[in-house]
Amino acid sequence: MSDAPSPLPRGAALMARLDELARHSDEPGRLTRLYLSPAHRSAARLVAGWMEEAGMSVHMDAVGNVVGRYAGQTADAPALLLGSHIDTVRDAGKYDGNLGVLAAIQAVGELHARGERLPVALEVLAFGDEEGVRFPVTLSGSRAVAGTLDPSVLDAVDADGIRLRDALLAFGGRPDALASARHDPAAVAGYVEIHIEQGPVLESEDLAVGVVTAISGASRFTIDIDGEAGHAGTVPMNLRHDAVAAAAEIVLAVEELAQRTPDLVATVGCFTALPGAVNVIAAGARLTLDIRSPLDAVRRAAIEHLSRRFDAIAARRGVALKMACFYEAPAVACDDGLQARLQRAVERQNIPPRRLPSGAGHDGLAMAALCPVGMLFVRCAGGVSHSPAESITVEDAGTAVAVLLDFLRDYAPPRRPAS
C-alpha cells in the first residue's frame, strides 16, 4: 500500500476536481447549488462522468441522487456505500459534502486503475438534498435510499411556489417511484462518509483526520413570549411585563446550562422583538432554540431543565410563554467495527488516532436506518463551514483519500447469519 501516490499529488488531483465542481452554481460570483436546480443538474452530470471514468456503472435514482457502482469480486457481494451530498447552502464553501463524494470517486478510480476488486461492491452516492435549503425538508436523498422518505414531502413548496414533485419531474426524477431508490438492507454492508469537521478540534490538535464516534441528536424549538406593550418613558420598571427582558434572561439560561453540561451545545439563533420600536416596551418576542448532543439522554434532560427554567422566568416576569418543537432527530452512534477499521487506517498513515463526535447533522443520520454507518473527519481551517471561507489543505485532502483506500483494502464484510 505504501507504493501509492503521496498525499500531495493525490490531494492536488482531488482539489482540482473540487474547484471544477464549485463552478456549477445557481448564483454568479458565489457557490449556491440547490436541490433540483440547473446547477444541481450540471453538477450531477459532471459527477456522473467522473464516476464512469473511475470504472463505475452509473445511474440517477428516483429522487435525483447520482449512484455509481463498482462491482466486487463476486456478483452477489454486498455493497459498501460511500459518498456524501452535492447540494449546498447559499454562498457556500467548496468542501462541505462535495469532498466526501469526490474523495470516494478518487479512491474507486485508484482501485480500478490497478484492476483491484474487493470482497464488497462499492457504491458511491452523490445525494442531491442534504441541506434542505430550497424546500422545507432535509436529507431527502439519503432518506430515499434508506427507505424512510415520506411521500408527503413531494407536496413541499419552495419560495417561488414550485412543488417538489414538479421540480423532480422537470429534473428527470420519478416522484411516483420513490420506493425504487430504497436499498435492500440485506445487500448493504455499511455506509462510510468523509466530511470536513466543521469544527476546530482537529486543527487545534494538529491532526489531519479523525474518526467520528456519533452524530449528535438535535431538537429545535420556537419560543414565543407575550408581554405587555407600554411607553418606554412612563411605565415604572417594577410594573413592566417586558417580553424582551424575559427573552434575554432565557438566552442567558440556555448559555449557562450548555457551558456547564458536558456533551451539550445550545444556541439561540433568532431573536425578534415585537413591535420593535425604540420607545416601546416589547409586547412580544420570538426566539429559536437549537439543542444538540451525541447523547440523547443529555439532550432530553437539558430540554426538561430549560422548560422548567423558562416557565419560572415567565411567571416571575408576568409574561406568557409557549415553547414548540419543530424538529427532532435522535443521535446516531457510529458503528464500533467501522470506527475500529477507520482508526487502524489512520494509524497506518502515521497519524495519532483521534475519535470525536459530530455536532452537525449528516446523511449518516438517515442512512443509520438502513445499515451501520461510519465517518472520517478532515481538518478544516478555523472550523469554518457553510461559508466561502471553508478551507482544507492539499495534503489533508490526499491523506483522506489514502485513509479511505487503506480502509477499503482492509475491509471485510460482516458475516451473514446462516440461513
Protein backbone atom coordinates (compact mmCIF):
# COMPACT_ATOMS: atom_id res chain seq x y z
CA MET A 1 0.00 0.00 0.00
CA SER A 2 2.95 2.31 0.51
CA ASP A 3 3.66 2.48 -3.25
CA ALA A 4 0.51 4.56 -3.81
CA PRO A 5 0.77 8.28 -4.63
CA SER A 6 1.89 10.55 -1.78
CA PRO A 7 -0.69 12.88 -0.22
CA LEU A 8 0.37 15.94 -2.22
CA PRO A 9 -0.21 14.75 -5.83
CA ARG A 10 -3.23 12.73 -4.72
CA GLY A 11 -4.61 15.77 -2.92
CA ALA A 12 -3.87 18.08 -5.84
CA ALA A 13 -5.97 15.92 -8.16
CA LEU A 14 -8.84 15.92 -5.69
CA MET A 15 -8.66 19.68 -5.08
CA ALA A 16 -8.68 20.37 -8.83
CA ARG A 17 -11.94 18.47 -9.15
CA LEU A 18 -13.41 20.24 -6.12
CA ASP A 19 -12.58 23.56 -7.79
CA GLU A 20 -14.20 22.43 -11.03
CA LEU A 21 -17.34 21.23 -9.28
CA ALA A 22 -17.59 24.56 -7.42
CA ARG A 23 -18.05 26.35 -10.74
CA HIS A 24 -21.52 24.80 -11.01
CA SER A 25 -23.59 27.36 -9.13
CA ASP A 26 -27.07 28.88 -9.32
CA GLU A 27 -25.66 32.33 -8.48
CA PRO A 28 -22.85 34.09 -10.32
CA GLY A 29 -19.93 35.03 -8.12
CA ARG A 30 -20.69 32.66 -5.28
CA LEU A 31 -21.42 28.96 -4.75
CA THR A 32 -25.10 28.18 -4.30
CA ARG A 33 -26.27 24.81 -5.59
CA LEU A 34 -29.81 23.96 -4.56
CA TYR A 35 -31.65 20.68 -4.92
CA LEU A 36 -33.12 20.08 -8.41
CA SER A 37 -31.79 23.41 -9.72
CA PRO A 38 -29.95 23.92 -13.04
CA ALA A 39 -26.64 23.92 -11.14
CA HIS A 40 -27.57 20.65 -9.46
CA ARG A 41 -28.33 19.17 -12.87
CA SER A 42 -24.99 20.21 -14.39
CA ALA A 43 -23.06 19.15 -11.28
CA ALA A 44 -24.78 15.76 -11.32
CA ARG A 45 -23.72 15.24 -14.94
CA LEU A 46 -20.13 16.16 -14.13
CA VAL A 47 -20.03 13.81 -11.14
CA ALA A 48 -21.59 11.01 -13.19
CA GLY A 49 -18.85 11.42 -15.79
CA TRP A 50 -16.15 11.15 -13.13
CA MET A 51 -17.81 8.02 -11.75
CA GLU A 52 -17.75 6.44 -15.20
CA GLU A 53 -14.06 7.34 -15.62
CA ALA A 54 -13.43 5.58 -12.29
CA GLY A 55 -14.87 2.34 -13.68
CA MET A 56 -18.35 2.55 -12.23
CA SER A 57 -21.72 1.91 -13.80
CA VAL A 58 -23.83 4.99 -13.16
CA HIS A 59 -27.49 5.93 -12.92
CA MET A 60 -29.67 8.62 -11.37
CA ASP A 61 -32.27 7.32 -8.96
CA ALA A 62 -35.86 8.44 -8.48
CA VAL A 63 -35.02 11.43 -6.24
CA GLY A 64 -32.05 12.73 -8.22
CA ASN A 65 -29.18 11.04 -6.39
CA VAL A 66 -26.26 10.07 -8.64
CA VAL A 67 -25.30 6.46 -7.96
CA GLY A 68 -22.09 4.83 -9.18
CA ARG A 69 -21.39 1.11 -8.62
CA TYR A 70 -18.04 -0.67 -8.76
CA ALA A 71 -18.57 -4.43 -8.78
CA GLY A 72 -17.00 -6.66 -6.15
CA GLN A 73 -15.15 -9.95 -6.54
CA THR A 74 -18.43 -11.86 -6.79
CA ALA A 75 -21.76 -10.96 -8.32
CA ASP A 76 -23.56 -11.42 -5.00
CA ALA A 77 -21.11 -9.35 -2.95
CA PRO A 78 -22.84 -6.91 -0.59
CA ALA A 79 -22.29 -3.22 -1.25
CA LEU A 80 -20.33 -0.85 0.94
CA LEU A 81 -21.85 2.58 0.36
CA LEU A 82 -19.63 5.68 0.20
CA GLY A 83 -20.30 9.34 -0.50
CA SER A 84 -22.00 12.49 0.71
CA HIS A 85 -24.06 15.31 -0.82
CA ILE A 86 -23.54 17.76 -3.69
CA ASP A 87 -26.17 20.35 -2.77
CA THR A 88 -25.00 23.39 -0.80
CA VAL A 89 -26.24 26.19 1.38
CA ARG A 90 -26.39 29.68 -0.12
CA ASP A 91 -22.97 31.30 -0.54
CA ALA A 92 -21.28 28.05 0.41
CA GLY A 93 -17.78 26.68 0.63
CA LYS A 94 -16.35 24.10 -1.77
CA TYR A 95 -15.87 21.19 0.60
CA ASP A 96 -18.98 20.53 2.70
CA GLY A 97 -20.48 17.38 1.19
CA ASN A 98 -18.59 17.61 -2.08
CA LEU A 99 -15.35 16.40 -0.50
CA GLY A 100 -16.92 13.10 0.53
CA VAL A 101 -18.31 12.40 -2.92
CA LEU A 102 -15.16 13.22 -4.87
CA ALA A 103 -12.79 11.53 -2.40
CA ALA A 104 -14.82 8.32 -2.76
CA ILE A 105 -14.73 8.57 -6.56
CA GLN A 106 -10.97 9.09 -6.48
CA ALA A 107 -10.45 6.06 -4.22
CA VAL A 108 -12.54 3.85 -6.50
CA GLY A 109 -10.67 5.21 -9.50
CA GLU A 110 -7.35 4.16 -8.00
CA LEU A 111 -8.68 0.65 -7.36
CA HIS A 112 -9.95 0.49 -10.95
CA ALA A 113 -6.62 1.68 -12.36
CA ARG A 114 -4.89 -1.23 -10.60
CA GLY A 115 -7.56 -3.75 -11.52
CA GLU A 116 -8.43 -4.37 -7.86
CA ARG A 117 -11.75 -5.84 -6.83
CA LEU A 118 -12.83 -6.18 -3.22
CA PRO A 119 -14.97 -8.64 -1.24
CA VAL A 120 -17.66 -5.94 -1.39
CA ALA A 121 -19.07 -3.92 -4.22
CA LEU A 122 -18.52 -0.20 -3.78
CA GLU A 123 -21.37 2.19 -4.38
CA VAL A 124 -20.69 5.93 -4.42
CA LEU A 125 -23.71 8.11 -3.64
CA ALA A 126 -23.92 11.79 -4.54
CA PHE A 127 -27.00 12.78 -2.58
CA GLY A 128 -28.99 15.65 -4.04
CA ASP A 129 -30.62 17.10 -0.93
CA GLU A 130 -28.92 17.10 2.45
CA GLU A 131 -29.02 20.79 3.30
CA GLY A 132 -32.76 21.36 2.90
CA VAL A 133 -32.29 24.92 1.64
CA ARG A 134 -34.69 25.05 -1.31
CA PHE A 135 -37.56 23.03 0.16
CA PRO A 136 -38.53 22.77 3.86
CA VAL A 137 -37.30 19.17 4.05
CA THR A 138 -33.85 17.74 4.78
CA LEU A 139 -31.93 14.56 3.97
CA SER A 140 -34.34 13.73 1.14
CA GLY A 141 -31.67 11.89 -0.86
CA SER A 142 -30.39 9.68 1.95
CA ARG A 143 -33.87 9.08 3.38
CA ALA A 144 -34.95 7.77 -0.02
CA VAL A 145 -32.01 5.36 -0.13
CA ALA A 146 -32.74 4.23 3.43
CA GLY A 147 -36.42 3.75 2.60
CA THR A 148 -37.70 6.27 5.14
CA LEU A 149 -38.66 9.18 2.89
CA ASP A 150 -42.28 10.17 3.47
CA PRO A 151 -44.00 10.67 0.09
CA SER A 152 -45.76 13.71 1.56
CA VAL A 153 -42.52 15.67 1.04
CA LEU A 154 -43.45 15.80 -2.64
CA ASP A 155 -46.03 18.44 -1.72
CA ALA A 156 -43.41 20.74 -0.17
CA VAL A 157 -43.19 24.13 -1.90
CA ASP A 158 -40.17 26.37 -2.42
CA ALA A 159 -40.05 30.17 -2.12
CA ASP A 160 -41.23 30.51 -5.73
CA GLY A 161 -44.26 28.32 -5.19
CA ILE A 162 -42.82 25.33 -7.07
CA ARG A 163 -43.79 21.94 -5.69
CA LEU A 164 -41.03 19.44 -5.05
CA ARG A 165 -42.94 16.90 -7.15
CA ASP A 166 -42.93 19.21 -10.18
CA ALA A 167 -39.28 20.17 -9.74
CA LEU A 168 -38.34 16.49 -9.52
CA LEU A 169 -40.23 15.68 -12.70
CA ALA A 170 -38.53 18.53 -14.55
CA PHE A 171 -35.16 17.29 -13.27
CA GLY A 172 -35.75 13.83 -14.69
CA GLY A 173 -36.65 12.15 -11.43
CA ARG A 174 -39.58 9.84 -10.76
CA PRO A 175 -41.74 11.14 -7.94
CA ASP A 176 -44.18 8.24 -8.25
CA ALA A 177 -41.38 5.70 -7.87
CA LEU A 178 -39.67 6.86 -4.66
CA ALA A 179 -39.55 3.30 -3.36
CA SER A 180 -37.24 2.32 -6.21
CA ALA A 181 -34.43 4.35 -4.63
CA ARG A 182 -34.57 2.22 -1.48
CA HIS A 183 -31.69 -0.19 -0.97
CA ASP A 184 -32.21 -3.70 0.35
CA PRO A 185 -30.65 -3.86 3.83
CA ALA A 186 -29.59 -7.46 3.19
CA ALA A 187 -27.47 -6.30 0.25
CA VAL A 188 -25.73 -3.43 2.09
CA ALA A 189 -22.69 -3.86 4.34
CA GLY A 190 -22.48 -0.28 5.62
CA TYR A 191 -22.11 3.39 4.81
CA VAL A 192 -18.92 5.44 5.20
CA GLU A 193 -18.62 9.18 4.64
CA ILE A 194 -15.67 11.55 4.52
CA HIS A 195 -16.55 15.10 5.59
CA ILE A 196 -14.85 18.27 6.75
CA GLU A 197 -15.02 18.51 10.52
CA GLN A 198 -17.00 21.80 10.58
CA GLY A 199 -15.33 22.44 13.92
CA PRO A 200 -11.90 23.41 15.28
CA VAL A 201 -10.87 20.29 17.24
CA LEU A 202 -8.60 18.59 14.70
CA GLU A 203 -6.91 21.86 13.80
CA SER A 204 -6.31 22.68 17.46
CA GLU A 205 -4.62 19.29 17.92
CA ASP A 206 -2.69 19.45 14.62
CA LEU A 207 -4.35 16.32 13.20
CA ALA A 208 -5.29 15.84 9.58
CA VAL A 209 -8.17 13.45 10.19
CA GLY A 210 -10.28 12.00 12.98
CA VAL A 211 -12.75 9.15 13.41
CA VAL A 212 -16.33 10.13 14.23
CA THR A 213 -17.96 8.38 17.19
CA ALA A 214 -21.52 9.67 16.84
CA ILE A 215 -23.67 12.20 15.04
CA SER A 216 -25.39 14.42 17.56
CA GLY A 217 -29.10 14.36 18.01
CA ALA A 218 -30.82 17.71 17.70
CA SER A 219 -34.01 19.39 18.87
CA ARG A 220 -35.22 22.75 17.61
CA PHE A 221 -37.89 24.97 19.13
CA THR A 222 -39.66 28.23 18.68
CA ILE A 223 -40.26 30.16 21.88
CA ASP A 224 -43.00 32.79 21.80
CA ILE A 225 -43.26 35.26 24.67
CA ASP A 226 -46.28 37.52 25.18
CA GLY A 227 -45.78 40.50 27.45
CA GLU A 228 -47.43 43.90 27.61
CA ALA A 229 -46.56 46.91 25.49
CA GLY A 230 -46.02 50.22 27.23
CA HIS A 231 -44.40 53.60 26.86
CA ALA A 232 -40.64 53.40 27.40
CA GLY A 233 -40.68 56.60 29.41
CA THR A 234 -43.78 56.29 31.57
CA VAL A 235 -44.06 52.72 32.86
CA PRO A 236 -42.01 52.14 36.04
CA MET A 237 -39.51 49.29 35.87
CA ASN A 238 -41.23 47.30 38.62
CA LEU A 239 -44.58 47.36 36.77
CA ARG A 240 -43.35 46.15 33.41
CA HIS A 241 -44.12 42.87 31.65
CA ASP A 242 -41.26 43.17 29.18
CA ALA A 243 -41.13 40.29 26.68
CA VAL A 244 -37.60 41.14 25.56
CA ALA A 245 -36.26 41.24 29.11
CA ALA A 246 -37.74 37.78 29.68
CA ALA A 247 -36.26 36.60 26.38
CA ALA A 248 -32.83 37.93 27.32
CA GLU A 249 -32.92 36.02 30.59
CA ILE A 250 -33.87 32.90 28.66
CA VAL A 251 -30.91 33.32 26.31
CA LEU A 252 -28.54 33.53 29.26
CA ALA A 253 -30.17 30.48 30.88
CA VAL A 254 -29.52 28.49 27.70
CA GLU A 255 -25.88 29.55 27.59
CA GLU A 256 -25.31 28.88 31.26
CA LEU A 257 -26.67 25.32 31.08
CA ALA A 258 -24.72 24.45 27.94
CA GLN A 259 -21.48 25.79 29.37
CA ARG A 260 -21.65 23.58 32.44
CA THR A 261 -23.00 20.43 30.76
CA PRO A 262 -20.53 18.09 29.04
CA ASP A 263 -21.52 16.85 25.57
CA LEU A 264 -24.11 19.59 25.10
CA VAL A 265 -24.32 22.64 22.87
CA ALA A 266 -27.27 25.01 22.70
CA THR A 267 -27.89 28.03 20.52
CA VAL A 268 -30.45 30.82 20.27
CA GLY A 269 -30.08 31.64 16.60
CA CYS A 270 -33.02 34.00 16.02
CA PHE A 271 -34.34 36.76 18.28
CA THR A 272 -37.18 39.05 17.27
CA ALA A 273 -38.72 41.83 19.37
CA LEU A 274 -42.29 43.00 18.75
CA PRO A 275 -43.30 45.62 17.83
CA GLY A 276 -39.61 46.53 17.60
CA ALA A 277 -39.82 50.25 18.29
CA VAL A 278 -37.13 52.13 20.17
CA ASN A 279 -39.54 53.81 22.57
CA VAL A 280 -41.95 50.91 23.23
CA ILE A 281 -41.65 48.17 25.84
CA ALA A 282 -41.80 44.96 23.84
CA ALA A 283 -45.18 43.26 23.87
CA GLY A 284 -43.74 40.11 22.33
CA ALA A 285 -40.59 38.24 21.47
CA ARG A 286 -39.82 35.15 19.41
CA LEU A 287 -36.70 33.04 19.77
CA THR A 288 -35.39 29.86 18.25
CA LEU A 289 -33.53 27.28 20.29
CA ASP A 290 -31.26 24.55 18.89
CA ILE A 291 -30.03 21.88 21.35
CA ARG A 292 -27.59 19.12 20.34
CA SER A 293 -25.74 16.26 21.96
CA PRO A 294 -24.23 12.95 20.89
CA LEU A 295 -26.11 11.50 23.88
CA ASP A 296 -29.89 11.63 23.62
CA ALA A 297 -30.30 11.35 27.40
CA VAL A 298 -28.21 14.50 27.88
CA ARG A 299 -30.21 16.38 25.27
CA ARG A 300 -33.57 15.33 26.72
CA ALA A 301 -32.52 16.22 30.26
CA ALA A 302 -31.41 19.66 29.08
CA ILE A 303 -34.75 20.26 27.37
CA GLU A 304 -36.66 19.31 30.53
CA HIS A 305 -34.45 21.52 32.69
CA LEU A 306 -34.76 24.51 30.36
CA SER A 307 -38.51 24.12 30.01
CA ARG A 308 -38.91 24.39 33.79
CA ARG A 309 -36.46 27.30 33.93
CA PHE A 310 -38.29 29.17 31.16
CA ASP A 311 -41.63 28.71 32.91
CA ALA A 312 -40.18 30.11 36.12
CA ILE A 313 -38.74 33.13 34.30
CA ALA A 314 -42.08 33.79 32.61
CA ALA A 315 -44.02 33.52 35.86
CA ARG A 316 -41.66 35.84 37.72
CA ARG A 317 -41.81 38.47 34.97
CA GLY A 318 -45.56 38.22 34.39
CA VAL A 319 -45.38 37.14 30.74
CA ALA A 320 -46.87 34.18 28.86
CA LEU A 321 -44.58 31.67 27.18
CA LYS A 322 -45.13 28.97 24.58
CA MET A 323 -42.39 26.56 23.52
CA ALA A 324 -42.99 24.42 20.43
CA CYS A 325 -40.70 21.77 18.90
CA PHE A 326 -40.43 21.85 15.11
CA TYR A 327 -37.51 19.46 14.57
CA GLU A 328 -36.35 16.34 16.36
CA ALA A 329 -33.58 13.95 15.31
CA PRO A 330 -32.10 11.31 17.61
CA ALA A 331 -28.36 10.84 17.87
CA VAL A 332 -26.73 8.16 15.76
CA ALA A 333 -23.82 6.18 17.13
CA CYS A 334 -21.24 5.24 14.53
CA ASP A 335 -20.64 1.52 14.21
CA ASP A 336 -17.90 0.20 16.52
CA GLY A 337 -16.42 -2.05 13.83
CA LEU A 338 -16.25 0.73 11.25
CA GLN A 339 -14.68 3.06 13.81
CA ALA A 340 -12.02 0.47 14.61
CA ARG A 341 -11.18 -0.16 10.94
CA LEU A 342 -11.04 3.57 10.18
CA GLN A 343 -8.78 4.10 13.19
CA ARG A 344 -6.39 1.38 12.01
CA ALA A 345 -6.28 3.01 8.58
CA VAL A 346 -5.49 6.37 10.19
CA GLU A 347 -2.72 4.85 12.29
CA ARG A 348 -1.17 3.25 9.20
CA GLN A 349 -0.76 6.79 7.82
CA ASN A 350 1.32 7.54 10.94
CA ILE A 351 -1.35 9.85 12.31
CA PRO A 352 -2.24 9.67 16.03
CA PRO A 353 -5.81 8.36 16.33
CA ARG A 354 -8.46 10.80 17.49
CA ARG A 355 -12.11 9.99 17.99
CA LEU A 356 -14.66 12.79 18.26
CA PRO A 357 -18.41 13.32 17.87
CA SER A 358 -20.06 15.36 15.15
CA GLY A 359 -22.18 18.25 16.32
CA ALA A 360 -23.57 18.77 12.81
CA GLY A 361 -26.09 16.55 11.07
CA HIS A 362 -25.11 14.45 8.08
CA ASP A 363 -26.59 11.93 5.66
CA GLY A 364 -25.49 9.27 8.12
CA LEU A 365 -28.43 10.28 10.32
CA ALA A 366 -30.75 8.90 7.67
CA MET A 367 -28.51 6.06 6.49
CA ALA A 368 -28.42 4.58 10.01
CA ALA A 369 -31.95 3.31 9.37
CA LEU A 370 -30.51 1.14 6.58
CA CYS A 371 -27.09 -0.03 7.75
CA PRO A 372 -24.11 0.58 10.07
CA VAL A 373 -22.52 3.99 9.48
CA GLY A 374 -19.00 5.35 9.86
CA MET A 375 -17.44 8.76 9.26
CA LEU A 376 -13.99 10.24 8.83
CA PHE A 377 -13.49 13.93 9.57
CA VAL A 378 -10.92 16.06 7.74
CA ARG A 379 -9.37 19.11 9.39
CA CYS A 380 -10.70 22.46 8.17
CA ALA A 381 -9.21 25.88 8.84
CA GLY A 382 -10.72 27.54 11.87
CA GLY A 383 -13.54 25.03 11.90
CA VAL A 384 -15.37 27.30 9.45
CA SER A 385 -18.09 25.77 7.28
CA HIS A 386 -21.20 26.84 5.36
CA SER A 387 -19.09 29.74 4.14
CA PRO A 388 -16.82 30.64 1.23
CA ALA A 389 -14.07 30.70 3.88
CA GLU A 390 -14.13 26.90 4.13
CA SER A 391 -10.54 25.74 3.65
CA ILE A 392 -8.64 22.46 3.69
CA THR A 393 -5.07 21.73 2.62
CA VAL A 394 -3.98 19.77 -0.41
CA GLU A 395 -2.05 17.40 1.83
CA ASP A 396 -5.04 16.74 4.10
CA ALA A 397 -7.22 16.04 1.07
CA GLY A 398 -4.69 13.49 -0.12
CA THR A 399 -4.43 11.96 3.34
CA ALA A 400 -8.19 11.49 3.48
CA VAL A 401 -8.14 9.53 0.21
CA ALA A 402 -5.18 7.47 1.45
CA VAL A 403 -7.02 6.58 4.66
CA LEU A 404 -10.15 5.65 2.71
CA LEU A 405 -8.18 3.42 0.30
CA ASP A 406 -6.41 1.70 3.17
CA PHE A 407 -9.72 1.19 4.92
CA LEU A 408 -11.31 -0.27 1.77
CA ARG A 409 -8.47 -2.68 1.09
CA ASP A 410 -8.62 -3.88 4.69
CA TYR A 411 -12.39 -4.11 4.82
CA ALA A 412 -14.18 -7.42 5.21
CA PRO A 413 -17.99 -7.51 5.13
CA PRO A 414 -19.79 -8.71 8.25
CA ARG A 415 -20.64 -12.38 8.24
CA ARG A 416 -24.20 -13.05 7.27
CA PRO A 417 -26.27 -15.20 9.63
CA ALA A 418 -26.60 -18.76 8.48
CA SER A 419 -29.97 -19.37 6.85
